[in-house]
Amino acid sequence: MPWVGPLIRGINTSRFASTLAILVGGGVPLLSALSSAARVMTNMILREAIEHSIKLVR
């Protein structure tokens, strides 16, 4: 089942982007929004990449 990996990655990315857009659109500061949006990621590799990005943004 080679399509499962891209499907899970797409679902996680979509969930992250949607959550981030809602939070930033609602006036939450970017770093807080990134931290909260990272928590919806079920894929630990993607979550760690987002957490690394938060450190770079900070």
Protein backbone atom coordinates (compact mmCIF):
# COMPACT_ATOMS: atom_id res chain seq x y z
CA MET A 1 0.00 0.00 0.00
CA PRO A 2 2.34 2.75 -1.21
CA TRP A 3 -0.40 5.40 -1.11
CA VAL A 4 -0.84 5.31 2.68
CA GLY A 5 2.24 7.42 3.48
CA PRO A 6 1.32 10.34 1.23
CA LEU A 7 -2.29 10.16 2.43
CA ILE A 8 -1.28 10.41 6.10
CA ARG A 9 1.17 13.21 5.32
CA GLY A 10 -1.55 15.08 3.42
CA ILE A 11 -4.07 14.69 6.24
CA ASN A 12 -1.57 15.92 8.82
CA THR A 13 -0.51 18.86 6.67
CA SER A 14 -4.10 19.83 5.99
CA ARG A 15 -5.03 19.62 9.66
CA PHE A 16 -2.00 21.71 10.62
CA ALA A 17 -2.63 24.38 7.97
CA SER A 18 -6.31 24.64 8.84
CA THR A 19 -5.64 24.98 12.56
CA LEU A 20 -2.88 27.53 11.98
CA ALA A 21 -5.10 29.61 9.68
CA ILE A 22 -7.96 29.64 12.20
CA LEU A 23 -5.70 30.64 15.07
CA VAL A 24 -3.79 33.36 13.21
CA GLY A 25 -7.03 34.64 11.68
CA GLY A 26 -8.47 34.86 15.18
CA GLY A 27 -5.61 37.05 16.36
CA VAL A 28 -3.44 34.51 18.18
CA PRO A 29 0.27 35.45 17.98
CA LEU A 30 2.19 33.42 15.40
CA LEU A 31 4.48 31.52 17.81
CA SER A 32 1.56 30.49 20.02
CA ALA A 33 -0.46 29.50 16.97
CA LEU A 34 2.41 27.41 15.61
CA SER A 35 2.78 25.61 18.94
CA SER A 36 -0.92 24.87 19.15
CA ALA A 37 -1.15 23.78 15.53
CA ALA A 38 1.83 21.45 15.99
CA ARG A 39 -0.14 19.56 18.65
CA VAL A 40 -2.75 18.42 16.08
CA MET A 41 -0.06 16.57 14.10
CA THR A 42 -0.18 12.81 14.69
CA ASN A 43 2.99 12.17 12.68
CA MET A 44 5.88 12.68 15.09
CA ILE A 45 8.42 13.42 12.36
CA LEU A 46 6.27 16.23 11.00
CA ARG A 47 5.58 17.51 14.51
CA GLU A 48 9.31 17.62 15.28
CA ALA A 49 9.90 19.53 12.04
CA ILE A 50 7.29 22.11 13.05
CA GLU A 51 8.81 22.39 16.54
CA HIS A 52 12.22 22.98 14.94
CA SER A 53 10.64 25.66 12.74
CA ILE A 54 9.20 27.35 15.83
CA LYS A 55 12.71 27.60 17.28
CA LEU A 56 13.97 29.14 14.02
CA VAL A 57 11.13 31.66 13.95
CA ARG A 58 11.72 32.58 17.59
